[in-house]
Amino acid sequence: MLDIDLHGEKSYAIADSLTQRHVRFVFTTGYGAHALELAYLVYPRCEKPLDARMLFKALTV
């Protein structure tokens, strides 16, 4: 799980690094889809508060 907003900074560099290493991740946010830049909308996302079923579903897609 990768929170989009890490104390005011976006986690896109971490997402890019994980993607290059073929590591699956899910963005988490309390702000909805509008919190993501367009280029990152292709990655799975779960909104807070997290639901375990939704998180599992996002990781298995």
PDB file of N, CA and C in Angstrom:
ATOM      1  N   MET A   1       0.854  -1.160   0.000  1.00  0.00           N
ATOM      2  CA  MET A   1       0.000   0.000   0.000  1.00  0.00           C
ATOM      3  C   MET A   1       0.901   1.223   0.000  1.00  0.00           C
ATOM      4  N   LEU A   2       0.526   2.187  -0.809  1.00  0.00           N
ATOM      5  CA  LEU A   2       1.319   3.401  -0.938  1.00  0.00           C
ATOM      6  C   LEU A   2       0.389   4.604  -0.834  1.00  0.00           C
ATOM      7  N   ASP A   3       0.516   5.339   0.252  1.00  0.00           N
ATOM      8  CA  ASP A   3      -0.304   6.534   0.421  1.00  0.00           C
ATOM      9  C   ASP A   3       0.147   7.576  -0.591  1.00  0.00           C
ATOM     10  N   ILE A   4      -0.789   8.205  -1.250  1.00  0.00           N
ATOM     11  CA  ILE A   4      -0.461   9.199  -2.272  1.00  0.00           C
ATOM     12  C   ILE A   4       0.221  10.419  -1.662  1.00  0.00           C
ATOM     13  N   ASP A   5      -0.276  10.840  -0.509  1.00  0.00           N
ATOM     14  CA  ASP A   5       0.249  12.043   0.130  1.00  0.00           C
ATOM     15  C   ASP A   5       1.042  11.648   1.374  1.00  0.00           C
ATOM     16  N   LEU A   6       2.354  11.853   1.306  1.00  0.00           N
ATOM     17  CA  LEU A   6       3.236  11.537   2.426  1.00  0.00           C
ATOM     18  C   LEU A   6       3.696  12.829   3.081  1.00  0.00           C
ATOM     19  N   HIS A   7       2.935  13.278   4.046  1.00  0.00           N
ATOM     20  CA  HIS A   7       3.240  14.526   4.762  1.00  0.00           C
ATOM     21  C   HIS A   7       3.436  15.703   3.813  1.00  0.00           C
ATOM     22  N   GLY A   8       2.518  15.840   2.861  1.00  0.00           N
ATOM     23  CA  GLY A   8       2.550  16.965   1.938  1.00  0.00           C
ATOM     24  C   GLY A   8       3.305  16.717   0.643  1.00  0.00           C
ATOM     25  N   GLU A   9       3.962  15.582   0.515  1.00  0.00           N
ATOM     26  CA  GLU A   9       4.685  15.253  -0.713  1.00  0.00           C
ATOM     27  C   GLU A   9       4.036  14.045  -1.367  1.00  0.00           C
ATOM     28  N   LYS A  10       3.962  14.069  -2.679  1.00  0.00           N
ATOM     29  CA  LYS A  10       3.362  12.968  -3.427  1.00  0.00           C
ATOM     30  C   LYS A  10       4.340  11.794  -3.497  1.00  0.00           C
ATOM     31  N   SER A  11       3.808  10.591  -3.565  1.00  0.00           N
ATOM     32  CA  SER A  11       4.626   9.378  -3.555  1.00  0.00           C
ATOM     33  C   SER A  11       4.880   8.824  -4.959  1.00  0.00           C
ATOM     34  N   TYR A  12       4.761   9.649  -5.976  1.00  0.00           N
ATOM     35  CA  TYR A  12       4.902   9.171  -7.350  1.00  0.00           C
ATOM     36  C   TYR A  12       6.285   8.598  -7.658  1.00  0.00           C
ATOM     37  N   ALA A  13       7.332   9.155  -7.101  1.00  0.00           N
ATOM     38  CA  ALA A  13       8.681   8.623  -7.349  1.00  0.00           C
ATOM     39  C   ALA A  13       8.799   7.200  -6.809  1.00  0.00           C
ATOM     40  N   ILE A  14       8.172   6.940  -5.665  1.00  0.00           N
ATOM     41  CA  ILE A  14       8.184   5.586  -5.104  1.00  0.00           C
ATOM     42  C   ILE A  14       7.377   4.656  -6.003  1.00  0.00           C
ATOM     43  N   ALA A  15       6.229   5.124  -6.464  1.00  0.00           N
ATOM     44  CA  ALA A  15       5.396   4.323  -7.375  1.00  0.00           C
ATOM     45  C   ALA A  15       6.163   3.989  -8.648  1.00  0.00           C
ATOM     46  N   ASP A  16       6.870   4.956  -9.189  1.00  0.00           N
ATOM     47  CA  ASP A  16       7.666   4.715 -10.402  1.00  0.00           C
ATOM     48  C   ASP A  16       8.738   3.660 -10.149  1.00  0.00           C
ATOM     49  N   SER A  17       9.389   3.740  -9.016  1.00  0.00           N
ATOM     50  CA  SER A  17      10.435   2.776  -8.672  1.00  0.00           C
ATOM     51  C   SER A  17       9.849   1.369  -8.505  1.00  0.00           C
ATOM     52  N   LEU A  18       8.719   1.263  -7.835  1.00  0.00           N
ATOM     53  CA  LEU A  18       8.065  -0.034  -7.671  1.00  0.00           C
ATOM     54  C   LEU A  18       7.651  -0.608  -9.022  1.00  0.00           C
ATOM     55  N   THR A  19       7.127   0.239  -9.888  1.00  0.00           N
ATOM     56  CA  THR A  19       6.699  -0.200 -11.214  1.00  0.00           C
ATOM     57  C   THR A  19       7.883  -0.732 -12.014  1.00  0.00           C
ATOM     58  N   GLN A  20       9.013  -0.037 -11.958  1.00  0.00           N
ATOM     59  CA  GLN A  20      10.210  -0.487 -12.676  1.00  0.00           C
ATOM     60  C   GLN A  20      10.689  -1.844 -12.182  1.00  0.00           C
ATOM     61  N   ARG A  21      10.447  -2.127 -10.916  1.00  0.00           N
ATOM     62  CA  ARG A  21      10.878  -3.403 -10.318  1.00  0.00           C
ATOM     63  C   ARG A  21       9.783  -4.474 -10.402  1.00  0.00           C
ATOM     64  N   HIS A  22       8.674  -4.141 -11.049  1.00  0.00           N
ATOM     65  CA  HIS A  22       7.535  -5.058 -11.205  1.00  0.00           C
ATOM     66  C   HIS A  22       6.944  -5.472  -9.864  1.00  0.00           C
ATOM     67  N   VAL A  23       6.927  -4.520  -8.921  1.00  0.00           N
ATOM     68  CA  VAL A  23       6.335  -4.755  -7.610  1.00  0.00           C
ATOM     69  C   VAL A  23       4.918  -4.177  -7.630  1.00  0.00           C
ATOM     70  N   ARG A  24       3.946  -5.014  -7.317  1.00  0.00           N
ATOM     71  CA  ARG A  24       2.555  -4.564  -7.303  1.00  0.00           C
ATOM     72  C   ARG A  24       2.310  -3.698  -6.082  1.00  0.00           C
ATOM     73  N   PHE A  25       1.485  -2.686  -6.249  1.00  0.00           N
ATOM     74  CA  PHE A  25       1.114  -1.812  -5.140  1.00  0.00           C
ATOM     75  C   PHE A  25      -0.269  -1.253  -5.389  1.00  0.00           C
ATOM     76  N   VAL A  26      -0.830  -0.711  -4.353  1.00  0.00           N
ATOM     77  CA  VAL A  26      -2.127  -0.047  -4.419  1.00  0.00           C
ATOM     78  C   VAL A  26      -1.959   1.332  -3.801  1.00  0.00           C
ATOM     79  N   PHE A  27      -2.393   2.356  -4.512  1.00  0.00           N
ATOM     80  CA  PHE A  27      -2.427   3.690  -3.924  1.00  0.00           C
ATOM     81  C   PHE A  27      -3.555   3.742  -2.898  1.00  0.00           C
ATOM     82  N   THR A  28      -3.318   4.443  -1.812  1.00  0.00           N
ATOM     83  CA  THR A  28      -4.378   4.710  -0.852  1.00  0.00           C
ATOM     84  C   THR A  28      -4.521   6.214  -0.708  1.00  0.00           C
ATOM     85  N   THR A  29      -5.745   6.654  -0.511  1.00  0.00           N
ATOM     86  CA  THR A  29      -6.001   8.080  -0.361  1.00  0.00           C
ATOM     87  C   THR A  29      -7.325   8.303   0.354  1.00  0.00           C
ATOM     88  N   GLY A  30      -7.400   9.377   1.025  1.00  0.00           N
ATOM     89  CA  GLY A  30      -8.659   9.799   1.632  1.00  0.00           C
ATOM     90  C   GLY A  30      -9.324  10.878   0.816  1.00  0.00           C
ATOM     91  N   TYR A  31      -8.747  11.208  -0.344  1.00  0.00           N
ATOM     92  CA  TYR A  31      -9.217  12.338  -1.142  1.00  0.00           C
ATOM     93  C   TYR A  31      -9.943  11.943  -2.422  1.00  0.00           C
ATOM     94  N   GLY A  32     -10.008  10.664  -2.764  1.00  0.00           N
ATOM     95  CA  GLY A  32     -10.683  10.238  -3.987  1.00  0.00           C
ATOM     96  C   GLY A  32      -9.760  10.272  -5.191  1.00  0.00           C
ATOM     97  N   ALA A  33     -10.306   9.908  -6.346  1.00  0.00           N
ATOM     98  CA  ALA A  33      -9.515   9.796  -7.578  1.00  0.00           C
ATOM     99  C   ALA A  33      -8.913  11.126  -8.005  1.00  0.00           C
ATOM    100  N   HIS A  34      -9.554  12.234  -7.660  1.00  0.00           N
ATOM    101  CA  HIS A  34      -9.035  13.544  -8.073  1.00  0.00           C
ATOM    102  C   HIS A  34      -7.686  13.872  -7.435  1.00  0.00           C
ATOM    103  N   ALA A  35      -7.281  13.103  -6.428  1.00  0.00           N
ATOM    104  CA  ALA A  35      -5.994  13.335  -5.774  1.00  0.00           C
ATOM    105  C   ALA A  35      -4.823  12.836  -6.616  1.00  0.00           C
ATOM    106  N   LEU A  36      -5.114  11.988  -7.603  1.00  0.00           N
ATOM    107  CA  LEU A  36      -4.062  11.420  -8.443  1.00  0.00           C
ATOM    108  C   LEU A  36      -3.848  12.239  -9.707  1.00  0.00           C
ATOM    109  N   GLU A  37      -2.577  12.341 -10.116  1.00  0.00           N
ATOM    110  CA  GLU A  37      -2.287  12.928 -11.416  1.00  0.00           C
ATOM    111  C   GLU A  37      -2.761  11.946 -12.485  1.00  0.00           C
ATOM    112  N   LEU A  38      -3.113  12.453 -13.646  1.00  0.00           N
ATOM    113  CA  LEU A  38      -3.681  11.628 -14.712  1.00  0.00           C
ATOM    114  C   LEU A  38      -2.841  10.400 -15.042  1.00  0.00           C
ATOM    115  N   ALA A  39      -1.536  10.541 -15.093  1.00  0.00           N
ATOM    116  CA  ALA A  39      -0.655   9.428 -15.461  1.00  0.00           C
ATOM    117  C   ALA A  39      -0.736   8.266 -14.479  1.00  0.00           C
ATOM    118  N   TYR A  40      -1.225   8.512 -13.275  1.00  0.00           N
ATOM    119  CA  TYR A  40      -1.242   7.478 -12.247  1.00  0.00           C
ATOM    120  C   TYR A  40      -2.635   6.888 -12.019  1.00  0.00           C
ATOM    121  N   LEU A  41      -3.599   7.307 -12.795  1.00  0.00           N
ATOM    122  CA  LEU A  41      -4.948   6.768 -12.664  1.00  0.00           C
ATOM    123  C   LEU A  41      -5.048   5.312 -13.118  1.00  0.00           C
ATOM    124  N   VAL A  42      -4.043   4.821 -13.827  1.00  0.00           N
ATOM    125  CA  VAL A  42      -4.057   3.435 -14.312  1.00  0.00           C
ATOM    126  C   VAL A  42      -3.734   2.426 -13.208  1.00  0.00           C
ATOM    127  N   TYR A  43      -3.211   2.886 -12.091  1.00  0.00           N
ATOM    128  CA  TYR A  43      -2.849   2.000 -10.990  1.00  0.00           C
ATOM    129  C   TYR A  43      -4.035   1.814 -10.051  1.00  0.00           C
ATOM    130  N   PRO A  44      -4.106   0.645  -9.403  1.00  0.00           N
ATOM    131  CA  PRO A  44      -5.215   0.422  -8.476  1.00  0.00           C
ATOM    132  C   PRO A  44      -5.175   1.403  -7.315  1.00  0.00           C
ATOM    133  N   ARG A  45      -6.355   1.716  -6.817  1.00  0.00           N
ATOM    134  CA  ARG A  45      -6.482   2.715  -5.743  1.00  0.00           C
ATOM    135  C   ARG A  45      -7.585   2.288  -4.795  1.00  0.00           C
ATOM    136  N   CYS A  46      -7.346   2.476  -3.514  1.00  0.00           N
ATOM    137  CA  CYS A  46      -8.354   2.258  -2.480  1.00  0.00           C
ATOM    138  C   CYS A  46      -8.488   3.545  -1.680  1.00  0.00           C
ATOM    139  N   GLU A  47      -9.725   3.874  -1.379  1.00  0.00           N
ATOM    140  CA  GLU A  47      -9.954   5.069  -0.570  1.00  0.00           C
ATOM    141  C   GLU A  47     -10.014   4.702   0.902  1.00  0.00           C
ATOM    142  N   LYS A  48      -9.547   5.632   1.713  1.00  0.00           N
ATOM    143  CA  LYS A  48      -9.595   5.460   3.165  1.00  0.00           C
ATOM    144  C   LYS A  48     -10.984   5.883   3.648  1.00  0.00           C
ATOM    145  N   PRO A  49     -11.509   5.287   4.680  1.00  0.00           N
ATOM    146  CA  PRO A  49     -10.913   4.181   5.417  1.00  0.00           C
ATOM    147  C   PRO A  49     -10.907   2.919   4.557  1.00  0.00           C
ATOM    148  N   LEU A  50      -9.850   2.140   4.692  1.00  0.00           N
ATOM    149  CA  LEU A  50      -9.660   0.959   3.858  1.00  0.00           C
ATOM    150  C   LEU A  50     -10.621  -0.156   4.235  1.00  0.00           C
ATOM    151  N   ASP A  51     -11.110  -0.821   3.222  1.00  0.00           N
ATOM    152  CA  ASP A  51     -11.944  -2.003   3.364  1.00  0.00           C
ATOM    153  C   ASP A  51     -11.082  -3.177   2.890  1.00  0.00           C
ATOM    154  N   ALA A  52     -10.891  -4.175   3.727  1.00  0.00           N
ATOM    155  CA  ALA A  52     -10.001  -5.295   3.410  1.00  0.00           C
ATOM    156  C   ALA A  52     -10.400  -5.989   2.112  1.00  0.00           C
ATOM    157  N   ARG A  53     -11.690  -6.115   1.858  1.00  0.00           N
ATOM    158  CA  ARG A  53     -12.138  -6.771   0.622  1.00  0.00           C
ATOM    159  C   ARG A  53     -11.753  -5.958  -0.602  1.00  0.00           C
ATOM    160  N   MET A  54     -11.896  -4.646  -0.529  1.00  0.00           N
ATOM    161  CA  MET A  54     -11.540  -3.784  -1.658  1.00  0.00           C
ATOM    162  C   MET A  54     -10.021  -3.801  -1.880  1.00  0.00           C
ATOM    163  N   LEU A  55      -9.264  -3.811  -0.807  1.00  0.00           N
ATOM    164  CA  LEU A  55      -7.805  -3.874  -0.920  1.00  0.00           C
ATOM    165  C   LEU A  55      -7.390  -5.187  -1.584  1.00  0.00           C
ATOM    166  N   PHE A  56      -7.940  -6.297  -1.155  1.00  0.00           N
ATOM    167  CA  PHE A  56      -7.619  -7.583  -1.765  1.00  0.00           C
ATOM    168  C   PHE A  56      -7.987  -7.595  -3.236  1.00  0.00           C
ATOM    169  N   LYS A  57      -9.152  -7.071  -3.566  1.00  0.00           N
ATOM    170  CA  LYS A  57      -9.602  -7.014  -4.957  1.00  0.00           C
ATOM    171  C   LYS A  57      -8.643  -6.170  -5.790  1.00  0.00           C
ATOM    172  N   ALA A  58      -8.221  -5.020  -5.273  1.00  0.00           N
ATOM    173  CA  ALA A  58      -7.308  -4.139  -6.007  1.00  0.00           C
ATOM    174  C   ALA A  58      -5.964  -4.806  -6.253  1.00  0.00           C
ATOM    175  N   LEU A  59      -5.507  -5.613  -5.324  1.00  0.00           N
ATOM    176  CA  LEU A  59      -4.213  -6.288  -5.473  1.00  0.00           C
ATOM    177  C   LEU A  59      -4.263  -7.481  -6.410  1.00  0.00           C
ATOM    178  N   THR A  60      -5.436  -8.026  -6.643  1.00  0.00           N
ATOM    179  CA  THR A  60      -5.545  -9.217  -7.490  1.00  0.00           C
ATOM    180  C   THR A  60      -5.964  -8.903  -8.912  1.00  0.00           C
ATOM    181  N   VAL A  61      -6.211  -7.663  -9.231  1.00  0.00           N
ATOM    182  CA  VAL A  61      -6.635  -7.284 -10.587  1.00  0.00           C
ATOM    183  C   VAL A  61      -5.437  -7.268 -11.504  1.00  0.00           C
TER     184      VAL A  61
END
